[in-house]
C-alpha atoms as a PDB file:
ATOM      1  CA  MET A   1       2.906  50.396  35.776  1.00  0.00           C
ATOM      2  CA  TYR A   2       4.044  46.794  35.530  1.00  0.00           C
ATOM      3  CA  SER A   3       6.322  46.148  32.588  1.00  0.00           C
ATOM      4  CA  SER A   4       7.997  42.974  31.471  1.00  0.00           C
ATOM      5  CA  TYR A   5       9.451  41.316  28.440  1.00  0.00           C
ATOM      6  CA  TYR A   6       5.930  40.542  27.153  1.00  0.00           C
ATOM      7  CA  GLY A   7       4.707  44.134  27.325  1.00  0.00           C
ATOM      8  CA  SER A   8       2.963  46.342  29.792  1.00  0.00           C
ATOM      9  CA  TYR A   9      -0.386  45.820  31.423  1.00  0.00           C
ATOM     10  CA  PRO A  10      -2.884  48.398  32.599  1.00  0.00           C
ATOM     11  CA  SER A  11      -2.169  49.332  36.179  1.00  0.00           C
ATOM     12  CA  SER A  12      -5.555  50.619  37.150  1.00  0.00           C
ATOM     13  CA  SER A  13      -9.190  49.977  36.511  1.00  0.00           C
ATOM     14  CA  TYR A  14      -9.318  53.463  34.968  1.00  0.00           C
ATOM     15  CA  ASP A  15      -7.194  52.278  32.023  1.00  0.00           C
ATOM     16  CA  VAL A  16      -9.469  49.272  31.464  1.00  0.00           C
ATOM     17  CA  ALA A  17     -12.592  51.445  31.654  1.00  0.00           C
ATOM     18  CA  ALA A  18     -11.138  53.936  29.177  1.00  0.00           C
ATOM     19  CA  ALA A  19     -10.265  51.192  26.714  1.00  0.00           C
ATOM     20  CA  SER A  20     -13.690  49.588  27.101  1.00  0.00           C
ATOM     21  CA  SER A  21     -15.403  52.929  26.557  1.00  0.00           C
ATOM     22  CA  ALA A  22     -13.393  53.556  23.396  1.00  0.00           C
ATOM     23  CA  ILE A  23     -14.303  50.137  21.993  1.00  0.00           C
ATOM     24  CA  LEU A  24     -17.965  50.587  22.921  1.00  0.00           C
ATOM     25  CA  GLY A  25     -18.025  54.028  21.281  1.00  0.00           C
ATOM     26  CA  ALA A  26     -16.523  52.638  18.088  1.00  0.00           C
ATOM     27  CA  LEU A  27     -19.104  49.831  18.045  1.00  0.00           C
ATOM     28  CA  ILE A  28     -21.958  52.314  18.502  1.00  0.00           C
ATOM     29  CA  VAL A  29     -20.714  54.495  15.634  1.00  0.00           C
ATOM     30  CA  TYR A  30     -20.296  51.413  13.442  1.00  0.00           C
ATOM     31  CA  SER A  31     -23.820  50.229  14.336  1.00  0.00           C
ATOM     32  CA  ILE A  32     -25.305  53.612  13.429  1.00  0.00           C
ATOM     33  CA  ILE A  33     -23.541  53.570  10.054  1.00  0.00           C
ATOM     34  CA  VAL A  34     -24.713  50.010   9.299  1.00  0.00           C
ATOM     35  CA  PHE A  35     -28.271  50.900  10.344  1.00  0.00           C
ATOM     36  CA  ALA A  36     -28.263  53.984   8.093  1.00  0.00           C
ATOM     37  CA  ILE A  37     -27.044  51.927   5.120  1.00  0.00           C
ATOM     38  CA  ALA A  38     -29.759  49.328   5.796  1.00  0.00           C
ATOM     39  CA  ILE A  39     -32.454  52.040   5.849  1.00  0.00           C
ATOM     40  CA  VAL A  40     -31.161  53.479   2.564  1.00  0.00           C
ATOM     41  CA  GLN A  41     -31.157  49.985   1.051  1.00  0.00           C
ATOM     42  CA  ILE A  42     -34.756  49.348   2.165  1.00  0.00           C
ATOM     43  CA  ILE A  43     -35.960  52.681   0.760  1.00  0.00           C
ATOM     44  CA  ALA A  44     -34.213  52.001  -2.545  1.00  0.00           C
ATOM     45  CA  MET A  45     -35.613  48.471  -2.773  1.00  0.00           C
ATOM     46  CA  TRP A  46     -39.100  49.829  -2.009  1.00  0.00           C
ATOM     47  CA  LYS A  47     -38.834  52.130  -5.042  1.00  0.00           C
ATOM     48  CA  ILE A  48     -37.374  49.374  -7.233  1.00  0.00           C
ATOM     49  CA  PHE A  49     -40.194  47.016  -6.266  1.00  0.00           C
ATOM     50  CA  THR A  50     -42.762  49.709  -7.036  1.00  0.00           C
ATOM     51  CA  LYS A  51     -41.226  50.321 -10.471  1.00  0.00           C
ATOM     52  CA  ALA A  52     -41.335  46.581 -11.165  1.00  0.00           C
ATOM     53  CA  GLY A  53     -45.025  46.350 -10.288  1.00  0.00           C
ATOM     54  CA  GLU A  54     -44.584  44.742  -6.873  1.00  0.00           C
ATOM     55  CA  LYS A  55     -45.847  46.101  -3.580  1.00  0.00           C
ATOM     56  CA  GLY A  56     -43.251  48.302  -1.892  1.00  0.00           C
ATOM     57  CA  TRP A  57     -43.810  46.873   1.591  1.00  0.00           C
ATOM     58  CA  LYS A  58     -42.234  43.601   0.428  1.00  0.00           C
ATOM     59  CA  ALA A  59     -38.839  45.312   0.721  1.00  0.00           C
ATOM     60  CA  ILE A  60     -39.180  45.418   4.511  1.00  0.00           C
ATOM     61  CA  ILE A  61     -39.401  41.654   5.089  1.00  0.00           C
ATOM     62  CA  PRO A  62     -35.824  40.309   5.275  1.00  0.00           C
ATOM     63  CA  ILE A  63     -35.774  37.047   3.297  1.00  0.00           C
ATOM     64  CA  TYR A  64     -38.920  37.689   1.288  1.00  0.00           C
ATOM     65  CA  ASN A  65     -37.356  40.827  -0.203  1.00  0.00           C
ATOM     66  CA  LEU A  66     -34.606  38.687  -1.759  1.00  0.00           C
ATOM     67  CA  VAL A  67     -37.199  36.287  -3.171  1.00  0.00           C
ATOM     68  CA  ILE A  68     -38.992  39.232  -4.811  1.00  0.00           C
ATOM     69  CA  LEU A  69     -35.675  40.660  -6.034  1.00  0.00           C
ATOM     70  CA  PHE A  70     -34.874  37.293  -7.649  1.00  0.00           C
ATOM     71  CA  LYS A  71     -38.316  37.290  -9.267  1.00  0.00           C
ATOM     72  CA  ILE A  72     -37.883  40.853 -10.594  1.00  0.00           C
ATOM     73  CA  SER A  73     -34.464  39.900 -11.977  1.00  0.00           C
ATOM     74  CA  GLY A  74     -35.753  36.826 -13.765  1.00  0.00           C
ATOM     75  CA  LEU A  75     -34.074  34.342 -11.443  1.00  0.00           C
ATOM     76  CA  SER A  76     -35.818  31.477  -9.730  1.00  0.00           C
ATOM     77  CA  PRO A  77     -36.985  32.425  -6.228  1.00  0.00           C
ATOM     78  CA  TRP A  78     -35.868  28.967  -5.141  1.00  0.00           C
ATOM     79  CA  LEU A  79     -32.267  30.171  -5.405  1.00  0.00           C
ATOM     80  CA  ILE A  80     -32.759  31.661  -1.951  1.00  0.00           C
ATOM     81  CA  PHE A  81     -31.954  28.180  -0.681  1.00  0.00           C
ATOM     82  CA  ALA A  82     -28.486  28.484  -2.240  1.00  0.00           C
ATOM     83  CA  PHE A  83     -27.694  30.894   0.561  1.00  0.00           C
ATOM     84  CA  LEU A  84     -28.142  27.945   2.940  1.00  0.00           C
ATOM     85  CA  ALA A  85     -24.967  26.558   1.392  1.00  0.00           C
ATOM     86  CA  THR A  86     -23.020  28.968   3.598  1.00  0.00           C
ATOM     87  CA  ILE A  87     -22.831  26.233   6.216  1.00  0.00           C
ATOM     88  CA  ILE A  88     -20.620  24.200   3.845  1.00  0.00           C
ATOM     89  CA  PRO A  89     -16.947  25.173   4.052  1.00  0.00           C
ATOM     90  CA  ILE A  90     -15.374  26.792   0.967  1.00  0.00           C
ATOM     91  CA  ILE A  91     -18.425  26.180  -1.280  1.00  0.00           C
ATOM     92  CA  GLY A  92     -20.525  28.147   1.157  1.00  0.00           C
ATOM     93  CA  TRP A  93     -18.268  31.142   0.673  1.00  0.00           C
ATOM     94  CA  ILE A  94     -18.255  30.990  -3.118  1.00  0.00           C
ATOM     95  CA  VAL A  95     -21.965  30.403  -3.809  1.00  0.00           C
ATOM     96  CA  PRO A  96     -23.315  33.654  -2.277  1.00  0.00           C
ATOM     97  CA  ILE A  97     -20.597  35.704  -3.984  1.00  0.00           C
ATOM     98  CA  ALA A  98     -21.374  34.155  -7.371  1.00  0.00           C
ATOM     99  CA  LEU A  99     -25.136  34.346  -6.847  1.00  0.00           C
ATOM    100  CA  ASN A 100     -24.908  38.018  -5.902  1.00  0.00           C
ATOM    101  CA  ALA A 101     -22.911  38.681  -9.091  1.00  0.00           C
ATOM    102  CA  VAL A 102     -25.559  36.964 -11.229  1.00  0.00           C
ATOM    103  CA  LEU A 103     -28.329  38.810  -9.390  1.00  0.00           C
ATOM    104  CA  SER A 104     -26.597  42.150  -9.955  1.00  0.00           C
ATOM    105  CA  TYR A 105     -26.203  41.443 -13.675  1.00  0.00           C
ATOM    106  CA  LYS A 106     -29.800  40.285 -14.116  1.00  0.00           C
ATOM    107  CA  LEU A 107     -31.170  43.230 -12.119  1.00  0.00           C
ATOM    108  CA  ALA A 108     -29.189  45.656 -14.274  1.00  0.00           C
ATOM    109  CA  LYS A 109     -30.598  44.000 -17.403  1.00  0.00           C
ATOM    110  CA  SER A 110     -34.115  44.168 -15.933  1.00  0.00           C
ATOM    111  CA  PHE A 111     -33.804  47.938 -15.895  1.00  0.00           C
ATOM    112  CA  GLY A 112     -32.172  48.144 -19.333  1.00  0.00           C
ATOM    113  CA  LYS A 113     -28.664  48.765 -18.004  1.00  0.00           C
ATOM    114  CA  ASP A 114     -25.366  47.220 -19.080  1.00  0.00           C
ATOM    115  CA  GLY A 115     -22.594  45.262 -17.380  1.00  0.00           C
ATOM    116  CA  GLY A 116     -21.043  48.386 -15.867  1.00  0.00           C
ATOM    117  CA  TRP A 117     -24.207  48.884 -13.855  1.00  0.00           C
ATOM    118  CA  ALA A 118     -23.982  45.281 -12.714  1.00  0.00           C
ATOM    119  CA  VAL A 119     -20.507  45.972 -11.323  1.00  0.00           C
ATOM    120  CA  GLY A 120     -21.863  49.050  -9.548  1.00  0.00           C
ATOM    121  CA  LEU A 121     -24.789  47.071  -8.141  1.00  0.00           C
ATOM    122  CA  TYR A 122     -22.392  44.426  -6.899  1.00  0.00           C
ATOM    123  CA  PHE A 123     -19.865  46.660  -5.157  1.00  0.00           C
ATOM    124  CA  LEU A 124     -21.900  49.755  -4.262  1.00  0.00           C
ATOM    125  CA  ALA A 125     -25.390  48.313  -3.925  1.00  0.00           C
ATOM    126  CA  PRO A 126     -27.027  51.009  -1.750  1.00  0.00           C
ATOM    127  CA  ILE A 127     -25.895  53.812  -4.054  1.00  0.00           C
ATOM    128  CA  PHE A 128     -26.837  52.075  -7.304  1.00  0.00           C
ATOM    129  CA  TYR A 129     -30.145  50.835  -5.851  1.00  0.00           C
ATOM    130  CA  MET A 130     -30.993  54.465  -5.002  1.00  0.00           C
ATOM    131  CA  ILE A 131     -30.117  55.525  -8.552  1.00  0.00           C
ATOM    132  CA  LEU A 132     -32.288  52.731  -9.995  1.00  0.00           C
ATOM    133  CA  GLY A 133     -35.155  53.482  -7.643  1.00  0.00           C
ATOM    134  CA  PHE A 134     -35.222  57.262  -7.802  1.00  0.00           C
ATOM    135  CA  GLY A 135     -33.677  57.794 -11.239  1.00  0.00           C
ATOM    136  CA  SER A 136     -35.314  57.727 -14.641  1.00  0.00           C
ATOM    137  CA  SER A 137     -34.642  54.005 -15.153  1.00  0.00           C
ATOM    138  CA  GLU A 138     -37.678  51.993 -16.157  1.00  0.00           C
ATOM    139  CA  TYR A 139     -38.340  48.336 -15.513  1.00  0.00           C
ATOM    140  CA  VAL A 140     -38.250  46.477 -18.832  1.00  0.00           C
ATOM    141  CA  GLY A 141     -38.994  42.995 -17.533  1.00  0.00           C
ATOM    142  CA  PRO A 142     -37.106  40.127 -15.954  1.00  0.00           C
ATOM    143  CA  ALA A 143     -33.506  40.357 -17.170  1.00  0.00           C
ATOM    144  CA  GLY A 144     -34.634  42.642 -19.998  1.00  0.00           C
ATOM    145  CA  GLU A 145     -36.713  39.913 -21.659  1.00  0.00           C
ATOM    146  CA  THR A 146     -39.773  42.125 -22.182  1.00  0.00           C
ATOM    147  CA  ALA A 147     -37.742  44.709 -24.099  1.00  0.00           C
ATOM    148  CA  ALA A 148     -36.236  42.004 -26.296  1.00  0.00           C
ATOM    149  CA  PHE A 149     -39.700  40.493 -26.828  1.00  0.00           C
ATOM    150  CA  ASP A 150     -41.207  43.889 -27.707  1.00  0.00           C
ATOM    151  CA  ALA A 151     -38.413  44.596 -30.198  1.00  0.00           C
ATOM    152  CA  THR A 152     -38.865  41.179 -31.837  1.00  0.00           C
ATOM    153  CA  THR A 153     -42.636  41.604 -31.989  1.00  0.00           C
ATOM    154  CA  THR A 154     -42.306  45.077 -33.477  1.00  0.00           C
ATOM    155  CA  ASN A 155     -39.809  43.843 -36.091  1.00  0.00           C
ATOM    156  CA  ASN A 156     -42.061  40.903 -37.040  1.00  0.00           C
ATOM    157  CA  GLU A 157     -45.116  43.150 -37.336  1.00  0.00           C
ATOM    158  CA  THR A 158     -43.335  45.621 -39.629  1.00  0.00           C
ATOM    159  CA  GLU A 159     -42.054  42.780 -41.823  1.00  0.00           C
ATOM    160  CA  ASN A 160     -45.557  41.299 -42.153  1.00  0.00           C
ATOM    161  CA  ASN A 161     -47.113  44.649 -43.157  1.00  0.00           C
END
């Protein structure tokens, strides 16, 4: 094996093939994990959409599912264009992070959950989406507005009677 001040180099094509195989194997395992998480996310979004009165198949279409998620959360679907800001240096890194935080908060409120759920939706989205979709959570309206409206209406009706 050739060795010098700068380090050693593989001496045979066998060493290069072994290293390439190891890297390829790691990439395949990583791809399988990412694919599994994506499938879980789609299934969870399907259930969330169904609970919110939307068609479940809308969760399959990549950009359209975000538009519907914005709509369910009470955000403007036009905010999808904010993700185009990623081509702008620095701002493009901040906008999607901030928008995802707002979306997580509004989605939690839409299902009657608090800020702790928003943190869970932000950092562990597939897990918390599954809990929202398959759990006992009920959709209360965009950002919880329907529940607040129902409570106000009920209070006004009891005061008038």
